[in-house]
Amino acid sequence: MRNNQTEAEKILWDYLKNKKLGYKFTRQYSAGPYILDFYCPKLRLAIELDGSHHNEENSVLYDKDREEYLKAVNIKIIRFWNDEVMKDVNKVLDEISRHLRYHPRSD
C-alpha cells in the first residue's frame, strides 16, 4: 500500500517523517483490522486523509465502525480531506501541531 499513496499523503508525509514535528510518525500502520494512514505510537494519535469516496454511505458506516474500534483501543484520530492538504498544507500542519502541543514530550 505504501507504493499507492495519494498525492495528499505524499505531501503530508514529507512534513511528518523524520520527526519534523517533534514526534515519530509511521505510514500505513496496522491497528487491529485497520490500516492507519499515519500514526504516532508515542501519542496513540492517528492522522487520516479522506478522499471523496468517504462521503458514500458504505464508507461512512465503515469509518464509523473503524473510529469506534480505534477509540476502544485508545487511539485518537484526526481527519483531513485530501483537498485540504492539497490546497493549504500549512493549515493542516497547524491543526496537527495544535494536537501535538497537548501532549508533553518525554524523550
C-alpha atoms as a PDB file:
ATOM      1  CA  MET A   1       0.000   0.000   0.000  1.00  0.00           C
ATOM      2  CA  ARG A   2       2.902   2.394   0.599  1.00  0.00           C
ATOM      3  CA  ASN A   3       3.549   2.496  -3.121  1.00  0.00           C
ATOM      4  CA  ASN A   4      -0.036   3.571  -3.800  1.00  0.00           C
ATOM      5  CA  GLN A   5      -0.120   6.752  -1.741  1.00  0.00           C
ATOM      6  CA  THR A   6      -2.327   9.593  -2.836  1.00  0.00           C
ATOM      7  CA  GLU A   7      -0.668  12.867  -3.716  1.00  0.00           C
ATOM      8  CA  ALA A   8      -2.023  14.344  -0.472  1.00  0.00           C
ATOM      9  CA  GLU A   9      -0.440  11.504   1.530  1.00  0.00           C
ATOM     10  CA  LYS A  10       2.902  12.089  -0.177  1.00  0.00           C
ATOM     11  CA  ILE A  11       2.762  15.798   0.633  1.00  0.00           C
ATOM     12  CA  LEU A  12       1.817  15.298   4.273  1.00  0.00           C
ATOM     13  CA  TRP A  13       4.394  12.527   4.751  1.00  0.00           C
ATOM     14  CA  ASP A  14       7.138  14.948   3.736  1.00  0.00           C
ATOM     15  CA  TYR A  15       6.201  17.028   6.792  1.00  0.00           C
ATOM     16  CA  LEU A  16       5.671  14.144   9.238  1.00  0.00           C
ATOM     17  CA  LYS A  17       8.699  11.948   8.513  1.00  0.00           C
ATOM     18  CA  ASN A  18      11.981  12.138  10.407  1.00  0.00           C
ATOM     19  CA  LYS A  19      10.338  13.720  13.478  1.00  0.00           C
ATOM     20  CA  LYS A  20       9.945  17.054  11.690  1.00  0.00           C
ATOM     21  CA  LEU A  21       7.070  17.947  14.014  1.00  0.00           C
ATOM     22  CA  GLY A  22       8.907  16.592  17.071  1.00  0.00           C
ATOM     23  CA  TYR A  23       7.342  13.117  17.130  1.00  0.00           C
ATOM     24  CA  LYS A  24       7.921   9.901  15.210  1.00  0.00           C
ATOM     25  CA  PHE A  25       5.144   9.037  12.768  1.00  0.00           C
ATOM     26  CA  THR A  26       4.833   5.902  10.693  1.00  0.00           C
ATOM     27  CA  ARG A  27       2.894   5.341   7.486  1.00  0.00           C
ATOM     28  CA  GLN A  28       0.348   2.628   6.849  1.00  0.00           C
ATOM     29  CA  TYR A  29       0.288   1.439  10.454  1.00  0.00           C
ATOM     30  CA  SER A  30      -1.720  -1.693  11.211  1.00  0.00           C
ATOM     31  CA  ALA A  31      -4.131  -1.301  14.143  1.00  0.00           C
ATOM     32  CA  GLY A  32      -6.167  -4.472  14.519  1.00  0.00           C
ATOM     33  CA  PRO A  33      -8.102  -4.985  11.285  1.00  0.00           C
ATOM     34  CA  TYR A  34      -7.429  -1.421  10.081  1.00  0.00           C
ATOM     35  CA  ILE A  35      -4.592   0.406   8.356  1.00  0.00           C
ATOM     36  CA  LEU A  36      -3.962   3.959   9.531  1.00  0.00           C
ATOM     37  CA  ASP A  37      -2.565   6.498   7.063  1.00  0.00           C
ATOM     38  CA  PHE A  38      -0.182   7.982   9.640  1.00  0.00           C
ATOM     39  CA  TYR A  39       0.347   7.028  13.267  1.00  0.00           C
ATOM     40  CA  CYS A  40       2.333   8.382  16.193  1.00  0.00           C
ATOM     41  CA  PRO A  41       2.762   5.439  18.610  1.00  0.00           C
ATOM     42  CA  LYS A  42       4.030   7.615  21.463  1.00  0.00           C
ATOM     43  CA  LEU A  43       0.835   9.691  21.471  1.00  0.00           C
ATOM     44  CA  ARG A  44      -1.510   7.000  20.126  1.00  0.00           C
ATOM     45  CA  LEU A  45      -2.552   9.551  17.508  1.00  0.00           C
ATOM     46  CA  ALA A  46      -3.729   8.629  14.014  1.00  0.00           C
ATOM     47  CA  ILE A  47      -3.954  11.052  11.121  1.00  0.00           C
ATOM     48  CA  GLU A  48      -6.321  10.031   8.358  1.00  0.00           C
ATOM     49  CA  LEU A  49      -6.687  11.615   4.943  1.00  0.00           C
ATOM     50  CA  ASP A  50     -10.019  11.129   3.230  1.00  0.00           C
ATOM     51  CA  GLY A  51     -10.946  11.339  -0.424  1.00  0.00           C
ATOM     52  CA  SER A  52     -14.390  11.978  -1.860  1.00  0.00           C
ATOM     53  CA  HIS A  53     -15.339   8.282  -1.586  1.00  0.00           C
ATOM     54  CA  HIS A  54     -15.620   8.781   2.195  1.00  0.00           C
ATOM     55  CA  ASN A  55     -18.926  10.577   1.555  1.00  0.00           C
ATOM     56  CA  GLU A  56     -20.514   7.390   0.182  1.00  0.00           C
ATOM     57  CA  GLU A  57     -22.919   5.625   2.534  1.00  0.00           C
ATOM     58  CA  ASN A  58     -20.943   2.390   2.893  1.00  0.00           C
ATOM     59  CA  SER A  59     -17.725   4.335   3.551  1.00  0.00           C
ATOM     60  CA  VAL A  60     -19.438   6.444   6.205  1.00  0.00           C
ATOM     61  CA  LEU A  61     -20.555   3.270   8.014  1.00  0.00           C
ATOM     62  CA  TYR A  62     -17.105   1.682   7.658  1.00  0.00           C
ATOM     63  CA  ASP A  63     -15.433   4.828   9.025  1.00  0.00           C
ATOM     64  CA  LYS A  64     -17.848   4.891  11.980  1.00  0.00           C
ATOM     65  CA  ASP A  65     -17.073   1.257  12.882  1.00  0.00           C
ATOM     66  CA  ARG A  66     -13.384   1.956  12.442  1.00  0.00           C
ATOM     67  CA  GLU A  67     -13.476   5.016  14.702  1.00  0.00           C
ATOM     68  CA  GLU A  68     -15.350   3.064  17.392  1.00  0.00           C
ATOM     69  CA  TYR A  69     -12.708   0.331  17.291  1.00  0.00           C
ATOM     70  CA  LEU A  70      -9.826   2.803  17.470  1.00  0.00           C
ATOM     71  CA  LYS A  71     -11.460   4.697  20.314  1.00  0.00           C
ATOM     72  CA  ALA A  72     -11.873   1.397  22.197  1.00  0.00           C
ATOM     73  CA  VAL A  73      -8.106   0.775  21.903  1.00  0.00           C
ATOM     74  CA  ASN A  74      -7.328   4.352  22.952  1.00  0.00           C
ATOM     75  CA  ILE A  75      -6.193   5.713  19.582  1.00  0.00           C
ATOM     76  CA  LYS A  76      -7.238   9.283  18.843  1.00  0.00           C
ATOM     77  CA  ILE A  77      -7.978  10.153  15.214  1.00  0.00           C
ATOM     78  CA  ILE A  78      -7.765  13.459  13.435  1.00  0.00           C
ATOM     79  CA  ARG A  79      -9.083  13.610   9.896  1.00  0.00           C
ATOM     80  CA  PHE A  80      -8.486  15.844   6.941  1.00  0.00           C
ATOM     81  CA  TRP A  81      -9.793  15.840   3.402  1.00  0.00           C
ATOM     82  CA  ASN A  82      -7.195  15.263   0.686  1.00  0.00           C
ATOM     83  CA  ASP A  83      -8.235  18.636  -0.758  1.00  0.00           C
ATOM     84  CA  GLU A  84      -7.327  20.370   2.498  1.00  0.00           C
ATOM     85  CA  VAL A  85      -3.773  19.077   2.248  1.00  0.00           C
ATOM     86  CA  MET A  86      -3.520  19.937  -1.431  1.00  0.00           C
ATOM     87  CA  LYS A  87      -4.890  23.478  -1.052  1.00  0.00           C
ATOM     88  CA  ASP A  88      -3.405  24.565   2.284  1.00  0.00           C
ATOM     89  CA  VAL A  89      -0.968  22.138   3.879  1.00  0.00           C
ATOM     90  CA  ASN A  90       0.110  24.813   6.374  1.00  0.00           C
ATOM     91  CA  LYS A  91      -3.403  24.974   7.810  1.00  0.00           C
ATOM     92  CA  VAL A  92      -3.377  21.176   8.185  1.00  0.00           C
ATOM     93  CA  LEU A  93       0.055  21.292   9.838  1.00  0.00           C
ATOM     94  CA  ASP A  94      -1.166  23.989  12.236  1.00  0.00           C
ATOM     95  CA  GLU A  95      -4.071  21.764  13.274  1.00  0.00           C
ATOM     96  CA  ILE A  96      -1.780  18.745  13.740  1.00  0.00           C
ATOM     97  CA  SER A  97       0.660  20.880  15.753  1.00  0.00           C
ATOM     98  CA  ARG A  98      -2.198  22.052  17.944  1.00  0.00           C
ATOM     99  CA  HIS A  99      -2.946  18.407  18.817  1.00  0.00           C
ATOM    100  CA  LEU A 100       0.729  17.682  19.443  1.00  0.00           C
ATOM    101  CA  ARG A 101       1.101  20.615  21.858  1.00  0.00           C
ATOM    102  CA  TYR A 102      -1.344  18.975  24.266  1.00  0.00           C
ATOM    103  CA  HIS A 103       0.994  16.004  24.674  1.00  0.00           C
ATOM    104  CA  PRO A 104       4.157  16.664  26.669  1.00  0.00           C
ATOM    105  CA  ARG A 105       7.351  15.158  25.288  1.00  0.00           C
ATOM    106  CA  SER A 106       9.101  12.635  27.488  1.00  0.00           C
ATOM    107  CA  ASP A 107      12.090  11.784  25.322  1.00  0.00           C
END
